[in-house]
Protein backbone atom coordinates (compact mmCIF):
# COMPACT_ATOMS: atom_id res chain seq x y z
CA LEU A 1 23.86 -25.53 -2.85
CA LYS A 2 26.18 -22.76 -3.91
CA ASN A 3 25.76 -19.00 -4.21
CA ALA A 4 26.93 -17.12 -7.29
CA ASP A 5 30.31 -16.38 -5.56
CA GLY A 6 30.90 -20.13 -5.03
CA THR A 7 30.17 -19.96 -1.25
CA PRO A 8 28.40 -23.23 -0.21
CA GLY A 9 25.09 -23.10 1.61
CA VAL A 10 21.95 -20.88 1.48
CA ARG A 11 22.70 -17.24 2.23
CA LEU A 12 19.27 -16.40 3.56
CA VAL A 13 16.36 -18.37 4.98
CA TYR A 14 13.07 -16.72 5.64
CA ILE A 15 10.14 -18.71 6.88
CA ASP A 16 6.55 -17.78 7.79
CA PRO A 17 5.50 -21.08 9.47
CA PRO A 18 2.02 -21.93 10.90
CA PHE A 19 1.33 -19.90 14.07
CA ALA A 20 -0.48 -22.77 16.00
CA THR A 21 -3.88 -21.16 15.52
CA LYS A 22 -5.72 -24.60 15.30
CA GLN A 23 -7.41 -23.43 12.10
CA GLU A 24 -7.63 -24.66 8.51
CA PHE A 25 -6.96 -22.00 5.96
CA ARG A 26 -8.51 -21.93 2.47
CA GLY A 27 -7.97 -19.85 -0.64
CA SER A 28 -10.29 -17.39 -2.54
CA GLN A 29 -11.90 -20.30 -4.43
CA ASP A 30 -12.32 -22.33 -1.26
CA GLN A 31 -9.36 -24.58 -2.11
CA LYS A 32 -7.23 -25.88 0.66
CA ALA A 33 -4.29 -23.69 1.48
CA TYR A 34 -2.80 -25.28 4.64
CA GLN A 35 -3.74 -26.75 8.01
CA ASP A 36 -2.55 -25.19 11.18
CA LYS A 37 -3.82 -27.70 13.70
CA LEU A 38 -0.60 -28.48 15.73
CA ALA A 39 -0.46 -26.70 19.03
CA GLY A 40 1.47 -26.68 22.30
CA ALA A 41 4.47 -28.90 22.51
CA ARG A 42 3.68 -30.71 19.25
CA PHE A 43 3.89 -27.42 17.37
CA LEU A 44 7.15 -26.48 18.95
CA GLU A 45 8.68 -29.91 18.18
CA PHE A 46 7.39 -29.65 14.65
CA LEU A 47 9.20 -26.26 14.24
CA ARG A 48 12.32 -27.37 16.16
CA LYS A 49 13.06 -30.27 13.82
CA ARG A 50 12.93 -28.00 10.85
CA LEU A 51 15.04 -25.27 12.36
CA VAL A 52 17.82 -27.83 13.04
CA PHE A 53 17.67 -28.88 9.31
CA LEU A 54 17.65 -25.20 8.14
CA ARG A 55 20.74 -24.35 10.16
CA GLU A 56 22.70 -27.07 8.39
CA LEU A 57 21.60 -25.51 5.01
CA LEU A 58 22.83 -22.05 5.90
CA SER A 59 26.12 -20.66 4.62
CA ASP A 60 28.77 -19.82 7.28
CA ASP A 61 27.77 -16.10 6.88
CA GLY A 62 24.15 -16.82 6.42
CA SER A 63 21.01 -15.45 8.24
CA ILE A 64 17.63 -16.80 9.14
CA TYR A 65 14.38 -14.88 9.86
CA VAL A 66 11.45 -16.63 11.51
CA HIS A 67 8.09 -14.86 11.14
CA LEU A 68 5.76 -15.39 14.12
CA ASP A 69 3.00 -13.61 16.06
CA TRP A 70 2.81 -12.34 19.63
CA LYS A 71 1.55 -15.69 20.92
CA LYS A 72 4.45 -17.91 19.87
CA GLY A 73 7.52 -15.63 19.44
CA HIS A 74 8.78 -16.08 22.98
CA TYR A 75 8.48 -19.84 22.85
CA VAL A 76 10.27 -20.17 19.53
CA LYS A 77 13.11 -17.72 20.68
CA THR A 78 14.17 -20.17 23.36
CA ILE A 79 14.37 -22.97 20.76
CA MET A 80 16.38 -20.81 18.36
CA ASP A 81 18.69 -19.79 21.18
CA GLU A 82 19.45 -23.50 21.60
CA ILE A 83 19.86 -24.31 17.90
CA PHE A 84 21.64 -21.15 16.67
CA GLY A 85 23.19 -19.93 19.92
CA GLU A 86 21.93 -16.99 21.95
CA GLN A 87 25.08 -15.06 20.90
CA ASN A 88 23.89 -15.27 17.28
CA PHE A 89 20.58 -13.65 18.00
CA ARG A 90 20.60 -10.28 16.21
CA ASN A 91 17.19 -8.73 16.41
CA GLU A 92 13.58 -9.11 17.37
CA ILE A 93 11.91 -7.06 14.53
CA ILE A 94 8.46 -5.76 15.08
CA TRP A 95 6.34 -5.55 11.97
CA CYS A 96 3.38 -3.08 12.78
CA TYR A 97 0.51 -2.50 10.44
CA LYS A 98 -3.02 -1.07 10.37
CA ARG A 99 -6.01 -2.95 9.14
CA TRP A 100 -9.70 -3.24 9.84
CA THR A 101 -10.31 -4.03 13.51
CA ALA A 102 -13.11 -5.63 15.47
CA VAL A 103 -14.72 -5.02 18.83
CA SER A 104 -12.65 -6.76 21.54
CA ASP A 105 -11.94 -6.56 25.25
CA GLY A 106 -8.32 -5.64 24.79
CA PHE A 107 -5.89 -3.51 22.73
CA GLN A 108 -6.02 -4.34 19.03
CA LYS A 109 -3.32 -6.84 17.90
CA LEU A 110 -1.59 -5.06 15.05
CA HIS A 111 1.96 -6.46 14.90
CA ASP A 112 3.99 -9.52 14.01
CA VAL A 113 7.38 -10.65 15.26
CA LEU A 114 10.40 -11.66 13.20
CA LEU A 115 13.30 -13.37 14.90
CA PHE A 116 16.62 -12.71 13.12
CA TYR A 117 19.58 -15.05 13.85
CA THR A 118 22.82 -15.81 12.00
CA ARG A 119 24.83 -18.92 11.82
CA ARG A 120 28.03 -17.38 13.11
CA ALA A 121 29.46 -14.01 14.28
CA ASN A 122 30.55 -12.94 10.87
CA TYR A 123 27.63 -12.57 8.63
CA LEU A 124 26.38 -10.67 5.56
CA PHE A 125 24.45 -7.49 6.47
CA ASN A 126 23.77 -4.72 4.01
CA GLN A 127 22.81 -1.59 5.91
CA LEU A 128 19.47 -0.13 4.95
CA TYR A 129 18.30 3.35 5.72
CA GLU A 130 15.09 5.15 6.38
CA LYS A 131 14.32 8.80 5.78
CA TYR A 132 14.92 11.38 8.45
CA ALA A 133 11.86 11.80 10.63
CA ASP A 134 12.27 15.61 10.89
CA ASP A 135 13.06 16.09 7.13
CA GLU A 136 16.57 17.11 7.96
CA ALA A 137 15.52 20.11 10.06
CA HIS A 138 18.50 19.71 12.34
CA PHE A 139 21.20 19.28 9.74
CA THR A 140 22.99 22.52 8.85
CA GLU A 141 25.28 21.46 6.03
CA LYS A 142 26.90 18.58 4.19
CA ASP A 143 30.51 17.73 3.50
CA GLU A 144 32.14 18.49 0.16
CA LYS A 145 31.11 15.14 -1.30
CA GLY A 146 27.57 15.32 0.11
CA GLU A 147 28.26 12.06 2.08
CA TYR A 148 27.75 13.28 5.55
CA ARG A 149 25.53 15.75 7.23
CA TRP A 150 26.69 17.86 10.14
CA GLN A 151 25.03 19.35 13.23
CA TYR A 152 26.21 21.99 15.56
CA LEU A 153 25.57 21.48 19.31
CA ASN A 154 26.98 23.76 21.98
CA GLY A 155 29.50 25.17 19.53
CA LYS A 156 30.79 21.82 18.41
CA LYS A 157 30.43 20.30 15.00
CA TYR A 158 29.32 16.60 14.85
CA LYS A 159 29.40 14.27 11.90
CA LEU A 160 26.02 12.43 11.55
CA TYR A 161 24.59 9.71 9.43
CA LYS A 162 25.33 9.10 5.73
CA LYS A 163 23.18 10.84 3.30
CA GLU A 164 20.96 7.83 2.70
CA GLY A 165 19.11 8.61 5.91
CA VAL A 166 18.81 7.07 9.42
CA ARG A 167 20.05 3.52 9.81
CA MET A 168 16.96 1.28 9.87
CA GLY A 169 15.65 0.23 13.23
CA ASP A 170 13.86 -2.87 14.44
CA TRP A 171 10.37 -1.37 14.28
CA TRP A 172 8.95 -1.65 10.69
CA ASP A 173 5.77 0.33 9.95
CA LEU A 174 4.66 -1.34 6.72
CA PRO A 175 1.13 -1.55 5.38
CA TYR A 176 -0.80 -4.75 5.45
CA ILE A 177 -2.00 -5.96 2.07
CA ASN A 178 -5.40 -4.37 1.44
CA SER A 179 -8.19 -6.19 -0.53
CA MET A 180 -7.52 -4.12 -3.62
CA ALA A 181 -3.72 -4.35 -3.76
CA ILE A 182 -2.32 -5.46 -7.14
CA GLU A 183 0.01 -7.92 -5.51
CA ARG A 184 -2.79 -9.58 -3.48
CA THR A 185 -3.33 -13.29 -4.50
CA SER A 186 -6.13 -14.03 -2.01
CA TYR A 187 -3.86 -16.51 -0.20
CA PRO A 188 -5.09 -16.23 3.50
CA THR A 189 -1.81 -15.35 5.23
CA GLN A 190 0.05 -13.53 2.32
CA LYS A 191 2.78 -11.09 3.34
CA PRO A 192 3.57 -7.85 1.60
CA GLU A 193 6.39 -7.62 -0.93
CA ALA A 194 7.75 -4.53 0.87
CA LEU A 195 8.47 -6.65 3.97
CA LEU A 196 10.33 -9.38 2.15
CA GLU A 197 12.26 -6.78 0.10
CA ARG A 198 13.77 -5.39 3.26
CA ILE A 199 14.84 -8.76 4.47
CA ILE A 200 16.32 -9.95 1.12
CA LYS A 201 18.21 -6.74 0.48
CA THR A 202 19.65 -6.71 4.04
CA SER A 203 20.83 -10.40 4.20
CA SER A 204 21.66 -11.47 0.67
CA ASN A 205 23.36 -10.16 -2.49
CA PRO A 206 22.49 -10.64 -6.12
CA GLY A 207 23.16 -14.20 -7.18
CA ASP A 208 22.65 -15.59 -3.66
CA LEU A 209 20.44 -18.42 -2.73
CA VAL A 210 17.27 -17.61 -0.73
CA LEU A 211 15.13 -20.29 0.75
CA ASP A 212 11.53 -20.26 2.01
CA CYS A 213 10.40 -23.77 2.80
CA PHE A 214 6.92 -22.63 3.85
CA ALA A 215 6.43 -21.05 0.52
CA GLY A 216 2.75 -19.96 1.05
CA SER A 217 1.71 -17.37 -1.63
CA GLY A 218 5.23 -17.37 -3.05
CA THR A 219 6.02 -13.79 -2.00
CA THR A 220 9.52 -14.58 -0.89
CA LEU A 221 10.29 -16.34 -4.20
CA ALA A 222 8.79 -13.56 -6.30
CA VAL A 223 10.68 -10.79 -4.57
CA ALA A 224 13.91 -12.82 -4.54
CA GLU A 225 13.66 -13.35 -8.36
CA LYS A 226 12.87 -9.57 -8.89
CA LEU A 227 16.08 -8.68 -6.93
CA GLY A 228 18.31 -11.09 -8.79
CA ARG A 229 18.50 -13.75 -6.23
């Protein structure tokens, strides 16, 4: 396994494993998609064995993102702390979304969790940016190259973020795939391309190897190919 620059190992691993729901998922034509019957300690051991293997496949500057829900994220984090080292834990990313909801006796559950770890302290990270929330209302001028914005506070001039926008945070508000979306494959747990695009752009470069061993609907693979990975 080598990346385009000759570096050995996989640069980026993203997995969206079963969530221990005790369900069997089927596709749009009632074909079998996958079983998610393991629960409790059996589920955690199932995932632990695979995480050990995936760490060995990572390049020295590689990253791994594990996609889970609110029920299992905290359990799996303790396992990942052991395997990857707590010092290599980078972010708990919250993916929030809106979708049709049902009557319940609690707050609607509208987010997933992504645990972002790296193999070592030095790792590939391409900074992504979001638009300014206030549409630049507080920025009074740019520098001569248009690369920085400035703000005056109490008579002092402060250099702010690059012109791309605000450095992306760990709270991602991205739409869930609706029933009429062009990218929808009717795979029961398909994730949106926009979500994978952020991850792949952040933690890999063109020509790098990207691995998703729980390939599901193939979203990771499709987006990686579109981005030249």
